[in-house]
Amino acid sequence: MTYTIERIRKKNGEVHERELRRKGQRVGVGMLALGAPLILVYVDDENKVLTTSPVEAYSETGDALIVQTRNTVYCLRKVSEVAAHIS
């Protein structure tokens, strides 16, 4: 599954500085499990990954994946049903 990064917000709703650099980038989910870090692999540069603090909650509704970590809320938008190639 391929997603684009739509929003990265602090838990209080403020824009996280990472959002400015990463918004719109395509990613594949390398790992998503409660209590473990979210790992996102950049589709256009598989040598780059985004690793977060531990995941506290996540939900998928329609084409949106919302992941809440200890520090941040990530909103990803599904762009492809084809899995991103993650080695």
PDB file of N, CA and C in Angstrom:
ATOM      1  N   MET A   1       0.839  -1.170   0.000  1.00  0.00           N
ATOM      2  CA  MET A   1       0.000   0.000   0.000  1.00  0.00           C
ATOM      3  C   MET A   1       0.890   1.240   0.000  1.00  0.00           C
ATOM      4  N   THR A   2       0.565   2.181  -0.825  1.00  0.00           N
ATOM      5  CA  THR A   2       1.311   3.432  -0.875  1.00  0.00           C
ATOM      6  C   THR A   2       0.420   4.562  -0.374  1.00  0.00           C
ATOM      7  N   TYR A   3       0.997   5.416   0.445  1.00  0.00           N
ATOM      8  CA  TYR A   3       0.303   6.561   1.016  1.00  0.00           C
ATOM      9  C   TYR A   3       1.097   7.824   0.720  1.00  0.00           C
ATOM     10  N   THR A   4       0.437   8.974   0.828  1.00  0.00           N
ATOM     11  CA  THR A   4       1.158  10.244   0.884  1.00  0.00           C
ATOM     12  C   THR A   4       0.986  10.800   2.291  1.00  0.00           C
ATOM     13  N   ILE A   5       2.001  11.489   2.744  1.00  0.00           N
ATOM     14  CA  ILE A   5       1.924  12.148   4.041  1.00  0.00           C
ATOM     15  C   ILE A   5       1.088  13.406   3.857  1.00  0.00           C
ATOM     16  N   GLU A   6      -0.028  13.461   4.562  1.00  0.00           N
ATOM     17  CA  GLU A   6      -0.937  14.603   4.446  1.00  0.00           C
ATOM     18  C   GLU A   6      -0.719  15.616   5.566  1.00  0.00           C
ATOM     19  N   ARG A   7      -0.585  15.122   6.792  1.00  0.00           N
ATOM     20  CA  ARG A   7      -0.376  16.006   7.942  1.00  0.00           C
ATOM     21  C   ARG A   7       0.493  15.307   8.978  1.00  0.00           C
ATOM     22  N   ILE A   8       1.294  16.106   9.662  1.00  0.00           N
ATOM     23  CA  ILE A   8       2.031  15.652  10.843  1.00  0.00           C
ATOM     24  C   ILE A   8       1.829  16.735  11.889  1.00  0.00           C
ATOM     25  N   ARG A   9       1.096  16.400  12.960  1.00  0.00           N
ATOM     26  CA  ARG A   9       0.743  17.382  13.975  1.00  0.00           C
ATOM     27  C   ARG A   9       1.199  16.934  15.349  1.00  0.00           C
ATOM     28  N   LYS A  10       1.520  17.912  16.155  1.00  0.00           N
ATOM     29  CA  LYS A  10       1.769  17.625  17.563  1.00  0.00           C
ATOM     30  C   LYS A  10       0.426  17.235  18.172  1.00  0.00           C
ATOM     31  N   LYS A  11       0.457  16.572  19.305  1.00  0.00           N
ATOM     32  CA  LYS A  11      -0.794  16.126  19.929  1.00  0.00           C
ATOM     33  C   LYS A  11      -1.729  17.285  20.260  1.00  0.00           C
ATOM     34  N   ASN A  12      -1.193  18.486  20.444  1.00  0.00           N
ATOM     35  CA  ASN A  12      -2.044  19.639  20.747  1.00  0.00           C
ATOM     36  C   ASN A  12      -2.638  20.257  19.483  1.00  0.00           C
ATOM     37  N   GLY A  13      -2.363  19.659  18.307  1.00  0.00           N
ATOM     38  CA  GLY A  13      -2.925  20.132  17.049  1.00  0.00           C
ATOM     39  C   GLY A  13      -2.033  21.073  16.260  1.00  0.00           C
ATOM     40  N   GLU A  14      -0.952  21.536  16.859  1.00  0.00           N
ATOM     41  CA  GLU A  14      -0.033  22.433  16.153  1.00  0.00           C
ATOM     42  C   GLU A  14       0.697  21.677  15.046  1.00  0.00           C
ATOM     43  N   VAL A  15       1.016  22.409  13.973  1.00  0.00           N
ATOM     44  CA  VAL A  15       1.787  21.819  12.883  1.00  0.00           C
ATOM     45  C   VAL A  15       3.175  21.455  13.399  1.00  0.00           C
ATOM     46  N   HIS A  16       3.587  20.223  13.125  1.00  0.00           N
ATOM     47  CA  HIS A  16       4.931  19.762  13.507  1.00  0.00           C
ATOM     48  C   HIS A  16       5.907  20.222  12.444  1.00  0.00           C
ATOM     49  N   GLU A  17       7.119  20.580  12.840  1.00  0.00           N
ATOM     50  CA  GLU A  17       8.112  21.042  11.865  1.00  0.00           C
ATOM     51  C   GLU A  17       8.388  20.004  10.783  1.00  0.00           C
ATOM     52  N   ARG A  18       8.203  18.722  11.078  1.00  0.00           N
ATOM     53  CA  ARG A  18       8.423  17.679  10.073  1.00  0.00           C
ATOM     54  C   ARG A  18       7.428  17.774   8.912  1.00  0.00           C
ATOM     55  N   GLU A  19       6.210  18.296   9.206  1.00  0.00           N
ATOM     56  CA  GLU A  19       5.195  18.376   8.165  1.00  0.00           C
ATOM     57  C   GLU A  19       5.670  19.227   6.990  1.00  0.00           C
ATOM     58  N   LEU A  20       6.362  20.303   7.274  1.00  0.00           N
ATOM     59  CA  LEU A  20       6.817  21.201   6.217  1.00  0.00           C
ATOM     60  C   LEU A  20       7.762  20.506   5.255  1.00  0.00           C
ATOM     61  N   ARG A  21       8.577  19.592   5.764  1.00  0.00           N
ATOM     62  CA  ARG A  21       9.554  18.882   4.921  1.00  0.00           C
ATOM     63  C   ARG A  21       8.982  17.628   4.270  1.00  0.00           C
ATOM     64  N   ARG A  22       7.995  17.012   4.894  1.00  0.00           N
ATOM     65  CA  ARG A  22       7.577  15.680   4.453  1.00  0.00           C
ATOM     66  C   ARG A  22       6.199  15.612   3.816  1.00  0.00           C
ATOM     67  N   LYS A  23       5.413  16.669   3.914  1.00  0.00           N
ATOM     68  CA  LYS A  23       4.064  16.661   3.350  1.00  0.00           C
ATOM     69  C   LYS A  23       4.110  16.369   1.850  1.00  0.00           C
ATOM     70  N   GLY A  24       3.242  15.446   1.418  1.00  0.00           N
ATOM     71  CA  GLY A  24       3.159  15.091   0.004  1.00  0.00           C
ATOM     72  C   GLY A  24       4.093  13.967  -0.420  1.00  0.00           C
ATOM     73  N   GLN A  25       5.021  13.572   0.429  1.00  0.00           N
ATOM     74  CA  GLN A  25       5.944  12.493   0.062  1.00  0.00           C
ATOM     75  C   GLN A  25       5.230  11.150   0.136  1.00  0.00           C
ATOM     76  N   ARG A  26       5.590  10.256  -0.785  1.00  0.00           N
ATOM     77  CA  ARG A  26       4.972   8.930  -0.844  1.00  0.00           C
ATOM     78  C   ARG A  26       5.735   7.964   0.050  1.00  0.00           C
ATOM     79  N   VAL A  27       4.971   7.180   0.828  1.00  0.00           N
ATOM     80  CA  VAL A  27       5.580   6.242   1.770  1.00  0.00           C
ATOM     81  C   VAL A  27       4.831   4.917   1.758  1.00  0.00           C
ATOM     82  N   GLY A  28       5.526   3.893   2.168  1.00  0.00           N
ATOM     83  CA  GLY A  28       4.937   2.593   2.442  1.00  0.00           C
ATOM     84  C   GLY A  28       5.097   2.316   3.926  1.00  0.00           C
ATOM     85  N   VAL A  29       4.169   1.579   4.495  1.00  0.00           N
ATOM     86  CA  VAL A  29       4.243   1.265   5.923  1.00  0.00           C
ATOM     87  C   VAL A  29       5.132   0.041   6.103  1.00  0.00           C
ATOM     88  N   GLY A  30       6.266   0.244   6.753  1.00  0.00           N
ATOM     89  CA  GLY A  30       7.180  -0.847   7.031  1.00  0.00           C
ATOM     90  C   GLY A  30       6.756  -1.624   8.261  1.00  0.00           C
ATOM     91  N   MET A  31       6.232  -0.887   9.275  1.00  0.00           N
ATOM     92  CA  MET A  31       5.736  -1.536  10.486  1.00  0.00           C
ATOM     93  C   MET A  31       4.709  -0.619  11.126  1.00  0.00           C
ATOM     94  N   LEU A  32       3.596  -1.213  11.559  1.00  0.00           N
ATOM     95  CA  LEU A  32       2.561  -0.490  12.286  1.00  0.00           C
ATOM     96  C   LEU A  32       1.955  -1.449  13.304  1.00  0.00           C
ATOM     97  N   ALA A  33       2.286  -1.238  14.574  1.00  0.00           N
ATOM     98  CA  ALA A  33       1.777  -2.088  15.653  1.00  0.00           C
ATOM     99  C   ALA A  33       1.732  -1.265  16.929  1.00  0.00           C
ATOM    100  N   LEU A  34       0.706  -1.482  17.729  1.00  0.00           N
ATOM    101  CA  LEU A  34       0.597  -0.779  18.998  1.00  0.00           C
ATOM    102  C   LEU A  34       1.816  -1.069  19.866  1.00  0.00           C
ATOM    103  N   GLY A  35       2.365  -0.024  20.464  1.00  0.00           N
ATOM    104  CA  GLY A  35       3.508  -0.170  21.355  1.00  0.00           C
ATOM    105  C   GLY A  35       4.857  -0.176  20.667  1.00  0.00           C
ATOM    106  N   ALA A  36       4.865  -0.247  19.347  1.00  0.00           N
ATOM    107  CA  ALA A  36       6.115  -0.246  18.574  1.00  0.00           C
ATOM    108  C   ALA A  36       6.192   1.039  17.757  1.00  0.00           C
ATOM    109  N   PRO A  37       7.386   1.435  17.344  1.00  0.00           N
ATOM    110  CA  PRO A  37       7.483   2.624  16.500  1.00  0.00           C
ATOM    111  C   PRO A  37       6.808   2.388  15.143  1.00  0.00           C
ATOM    112  N   LEU A  38       6.201   3.428  14.601  1.00  0.00           N
ATOM    113  CA  LEU A  38       5.730   3.404  13.219  1.00  0.00           C
ATOM    114  C   LEU A  38       6.957   3.569  12.342  1.00  0.00           C
ATOM    115  N   ILE A  39       7.082   2.720  11.337  1.00  0.00           N
ATOM    116  CA  ILE A  39       8.184   2.848  10.384  1.00  0.00           C
ATOM    117  C   ILE A  39       7.586   3.075   9.012  1.00  0.00           C
ATOM    118  N   LEU A  40       7.914   4.220   8.429  1.00  0.00           N
ATOM    119  CA  LEU A  40       7.482   4.561   7.081  1.00  0.00           C
ATOM    120  C   LEU A  40       8.700   4.574   6.171  1.00  0.00           C
ATOM    121  N   VAL A  41       8.600   3.889   5.039  1.00  0.00           N
ATOM    122  CA  VAL A  41       9.686   3.820   4.065  1.00  0.00           C
ATOM    123  C   VAL A  41       9.316   4.721   2.891  1.00  0.00           C
ATOM    124  N   TYR A  42      10.194   5.631   2.542  1.00  0.00           N
ATOM    125  CA  TYR A  42       9.933   6.539   1.435  1.00  0.00           C
ATOM    126  C   TYR A  42       9.994   5.779   0.113  1.00  0.00           C
ATOM    127  N   VAL A  43       8.935   5.866  -0.683  1.00  0.00           N
ATOM    128  CA  VAL A  43       8.827   5.121  -1.934  1.00  0.00           C
ATOM    129  C   VAL A  43       9.882   5.586  -2.937  1.00  0.00           C
ATOM    130  N   ASP A  44      10.129   6.879  -2.985  1.00  0.00           N
ATOM    131  CA  ASP A  44      11.055   7.414  -3.980  1.00  0.00           C
ATOM    132  C   ASP A  44      12.515   7.330  -3.557  1.00  0.00           C
ATOM    133  N   ASP A  45      12.777   6.929  -2.330  1.00  0.00           N
ATOM    134  CA  ASP A  45      14.140   6.736  -1.838  1.00  0.00           C
ATOM    135  C   ASP A  45      14.079   5.720  -0.711  1.00  0.00           C
ATOM    136  N   GLU A  46      14.147   4.450  -1.064  1.00  0.00           N
ATOM    137  CA  GLU A  46      13.986   3.375  -0.085  1.00  0.00           C
ATOM    138  C   GLU A  46      15.117   3.311   0.931  1.00  0.00           C
ATOM    139  N   ASN A  47      16.151   4.133   0.766  1.00  0.00           N
ATOM    140  CA  ASN A  47      17.207   4.203   1.764  1.00  0.00           C
ATOM    141  C   ASN A  47      16.815   5.099   2.932  1.00  0.00           C
ATOM    142  N   LYS A  48      15.682   5.817   2.781  1.00  0.00           N
ATOM    143  CA  LYS A  48      15.225   6.710   3.838  1.00  0.00           C
ATOM    144  C   LYS A  48      13.990   6.138   4.505  1.00  0.00           C
ATOM    145  N   VAL A  49      13.973   6.231   5.826  1.00  0.00           N
ATOM    146  CA  VAL A  49      12.806   5.801   6.598  1.00  0.00           C
ATOM    147  C   VAL A  49      12.493   6.860   7.644  1.00  0.00           C
ATOM    148  N   LEU A  50      11.248   6.885   8.051  1.00  0.00           N
ATOM    149  CA  LEU A  50      10.804   7.717   9.156  1.00  0.00           C
ATOM    150  C   LEU A  50      10.428   6.765  10.276  1.00  0.00           C
ATOM    151  N   THR A  51      11.065   6.915  11.422  1.00  0.00           N
ATOM    152  CA  THR A  51      10.780   6.083  12.584  1.00  0.00           C
ATOM    153  C   THR A  51      10.259   6.985  13.688  1.00  0.00           C
ATOM    154  N   THR A  52       9.124   6.616  14.268  1.00  0.00           N
ATOM    155  CA  THR A  52       8.463   7.455  15.258  1.00  0.00           C
ATOM    156  C   THR A  52       8.645   6.909  16.670  1.00  0.00           C
ATOM    157  N   SER A  53       8.084   7.631  17.607  1.00  0.00           N
ATOM    158  CA  SER A  53       7.949   7.108  18.964  1.00  0.00           C
ATOM    159  C   SER A  53       6.873   6.011  18.926  1.00  0.00           C
ATOM    160  N   PRO A  54       6.690   5.255  20.011  1.00  0.00           N
ATOM    161  CA  PRO A  54       5.732   4.145  19.994  1.00  0.00           C
ATOM    162  C   PRO A  54       4.307   4.568  19.633  1.00  0.00           C
ATOM    163  N   VAL A  55       3.641   3.711  18.865  1.00  0.00           N
ATOM    164  CA  VAL A  55       2.262   3.937  18.442  1.00  0.00           C
ATOM    165  C   VAL A  55       1.326   3.673  19.616  1.00  0.00           C
ATOM    166  N   GLU A  56       0.426   4.632  19.867  1.00  0.00           N
ATOM    167  CA  GLU A  56      -0.564   4.481  20.925  1.00  0.00           C
ATOM    168  C   GLU A  56      -1.930   4.082  20.366  1.00  0.00           C
ATOM    169  N   ALA A  57      -2.240   4.506  19.137  1.00  0.00           N
ATOM    170  CA  ALA A  57      -3.526   4.178  18.508  1.00  0.00           C
ATOM    171  C   ALA A  57      -3.406   4.427  17.011  1.00  0.00           C
ATOM    172  N   TYR A  58      -4.241   3.715  16.245  1.00  0.00           N
ATOM    173  CA  TYR A  58      -4.324   4.006  14.815  1.00  0.00           C
ATOM    174  C   TYR A  58      -5.686   3.569  14.306  1.00  0.00           C
ATOM    175  N   SER A  59      -6.097   4.197  13.206  1.00  0.00           N
ATOM    176  CA  SER A  59      -7.376   3.851  12.589  1.00  0.00           C
ATOM    177  C   SER A  59      -7.286   4.100  11.098  1.00  0.00           C
ATOM    178  N   GLU A  60      -8.048   3.320  10.356  1.00  0.00           N
ATOM    179  CA  GLU A  60      -8.113   3.471   8.910  1.00  0.00           C
ATOM    180  C   GLU A  60      -9.575   3.663   8.538  1.00  0.00           C
ATOM    181  N   THR A  61      -9.862   4.785   7.899  1.00  0.00           N
ATOM    182  CA  THR A  61     -11.210   5.112   7.483  1.00  0.00           C
ATOM    183  C   THR A  61     -11.167   5.570   6.039  1.00  0.00           C
ATOM    184  N   GLY A  62     -11.845   4.839   5.150  1.00  0.00           N
ATOM    185  CA  GLY A  62     -11.787   5.194   3.738  1.00  0.00           C
ATOM    186  C   GLY A  62     -10.359   5.129   3.245  1.00  0.00           C
ATOM    187  N   ASP A  63      -9.870   6.243   2.725  1.00  0.00           N
ATOM    188  CA  ASP A  63      -8.494   6.258   2.220  1.00  0.00           C
ATOM    189  C   ASP A  63      -7.531   6.951   3.181  1.00  0.00           C
ATOM    190  N   ALA A  64      -7.938   7.166   4.429  1.00  0.00           N
ATOM    191  CA  ALA A  64      -7.086   7.831   5.421  1.00  0.00           C
ATOM    192  C   ALA A  64      -6.591   6.839   6.467  1.00  0.00           C
ATOM    193  N   LEU A  65      -5.322   6.965   6.813  1.00  0.00           N
ATOM    194  CA  LEU A  65      -4.724   6.210   7.911  1.00  0.00           C
ATOM    195  C   LEU A  65      -4.232   7.243   8.918  1.00  0.00           C
ATOM    196  N   ILE A  66      -4.772   7.197  10.119  1.00  0.00           N
ATOM    197  CA  ILE A  66      -4.383   8.122  11.184  1.00  0.00           C
ATOM    198  C   ILE A  66      -3.623   7.324  12.234  1.00  0.00           C
ATOM    199  N   VAL A  67      -2.413   7.775  12.546  1.00  0.00           N
ATOM    200  CA  VAL A  67      -1.578   7.082  13.533  1.00  0.00           C
ATOM    201  C   VAL A  67      -1.199   8.075  14.622  1.00  0.00           C
ATOM    202  N   GLN A  68      -1.519   7.720  15.860  1.00  0.00           N
ATOM    203  CA  GLN A  68      -1.158   8.547  17.005  1.00  0.00           C
ATOM    204  C   GLN A  68      -0.010   7.875  17.735  1.00  0.00           C
ATOM    205  N   THR A  69       1.103   8.598  17.837  1.00  0.00           N
ATOM    206  CA  THR A  69       2.249   8.087  18.586  1.00  0.00           C
ATOM    207  C   THR A  69       2.297   8.804  19.932  1.00  0.00           C
ATOM    208  N   ARG A  70       3.301   8.512  20.704  1.00  0.00           N
ATOM    209  CA  ARG A  70       3.442   9.151  22.014  1.00  0.00           C
ATOM    210  C   ARG A  70       3.477  10.671  21.880  1.00  0.00           C
ATOM    211  N   ASN A  71       4.076  11.171  20.793  1.00  0.00           N
ATOM    212  CA  ASN A  71       4.298  12.608  20.659  1.00  0.00           C
ATOM    213  C   ASN A  71       3.519  13.288  19.536  1.00  0.00           C
ATOM    214  N   THR A  72       3.073  12.535  18.545  1.00  0.00           N
ATOM    215  CA  THR A  72       2.635  13.128  17.283  1.00  0.00           C
ATOM    216  C   THR A  72       1.458  12.368  16.690  1.00  0.00           C
ATOM    217  N   VAL A  73       0.689  13.054  15.830  1.00  0.00           N
ATOM    218  CA  VAL A  73      -0.385  12.420  15.066  1.00  0.00           C
ATOM    219  C   VAL A  73      -0.050  12.545  13.584  1.00  0.00           C
ATOM    220  N   TYR A  74      -0.025  11.409  12.895  1.00  0.00           N
ATOM    221  CA  TYR A  74       0.292  11.353  11.464  1.00  0.00           C
ATOM    222  C   TYR A  74      -0.982  11.041  10.693  1.00  0.00           C
ATOM    223  N   CYS A  75      -1.242  11.797   9.640  1.00  0.00           N
ATOM    224  CA  CYS A  75      -2.369  11.529   8.760  1.00  0.00           C
ATOM    225  C   CYS A  75      -1.810  11.196   7.382  1.00  0.00           C
ATOM    226  N   LEU A  76      -2.084   9.978   6.945  1.00  0.00           N
ATOM    227  CA  LEU A  76      -1.610   9.503   5.644  1.00  0.00           C
ATOM    228  C   LEU A  76      -2.814   9.270   4.743  1.00  0.00           C
ATOM    229  N   ARG A  77      -2.662   9.536   3.456  1.00  0.00           N
ATOM    230  CA  ARG A  77      -3.746   9.347   2.490  1.00  0.00           C
ATOM    231  C   ARG A  77      -3.337   8.257   1.508  1.00  0.00           C
ATOM    232  N   LYS A  78      -4.178   7.239   1.353  1.00  0.00           N
ATOM    233  CA  LYS A  78      -3.918   6.118   0.453  1.00  0.00           C
ATOM    234  C   LYS A  78      -3.908   6.626  -0.987  1.00  0.00           C
ATOM    235  N   VAL A  79      -2.868   6.277  -1.729  1.00  0.00           N
ATOM    236  CA  VAL A  79      -2.797   6.670  -3.134  1.00  0.00           C
ATOM    237  C   VAL A  79      -2.728   5.474  -4.058  1.00  0.00           C
ATOM    238  N   SER A  80      -2.464   4.284  -3.518  1.00  0.00           N
ATOM    239  CA  SER A  80      -2.330   3.110  -4.358  1.00  0.00           C
ATOM    240  C   SER A  80      -2.612   1.858  -3.554  1.00  0.00           C
ATOM    241  N   GLU A  81      -3.338   0.935  -4.178  1.00  0.00           N
ATOM    242  CA  GLU A  81      -3.579  -0.370  -3.558  1.00  0.00           C
ATOM    243  C   GLU A  81      -2.375  -1.283  -3.710  1.00  0.00           C
ATOM    244  N   VAL A  82      -1.477  -0.944  -4.626  1.00  0.00           N
ATOM    245  CA  VAL A  82      -0.285  -1.754  -4.855  1.00  0.00           C
ATOM    246  C   VAL A  82       0.691  -1.490  -3.728  1.00  0.00           C
ATOM    247  N   ALA A  83       1.194  -2.549  -3.132  1.00  0.00           N
ATOM    248  CA  ALA A  83       2.127  -2.413  -2.025  1.00  0.00           C
ATOM    249  C   ALA A  83       3.405  -1.737  -2.491  1.00  0.00           C
ATOM    250  N   ALA A  84       3.912  -0.823  -1.661  1.00  0.00           N
ATOM    251  CA  ALA A  84       5.205  -0.227  -1.944  1.00  0.00           C
ATOM    252  C   ALA A  84       6.261  -1.299  -1.785  1.00  0.00           C
ATOM    253  N   HIS A  85       7.276  -1.271  -2.630  1.00  0.00           N
ATOM    254  CA  HIS A  85       8.348  -2.259  -2.549  1.00  0.00           C
ATOM    255  C   HIS A  85       9.222  -1.912  -1.357  1.00  0.00           C
ATOM    256  N   ILE A  86       9.222  -2.756  -0.368  1.00  0.00           N
ATOM    257  CA  ILE A  86      10.031  -2.551   0.835  1.00  0.00           C
ATOM    258  C   ILE A  86      10.932  -3.766   0.980  1.00  0.00           C
ATOM    259  N   SER A  87      12.239  -3.525   0.907  1.00  0.00           N
ATOM    260  CA  SER A  87      13.171  -4.640   1.008  1.00  0.00           C
ATOM    261  C   SER A  87      13.540  -4.918   2.430  1.00  0.00           C
TER     262      SER A  87
END
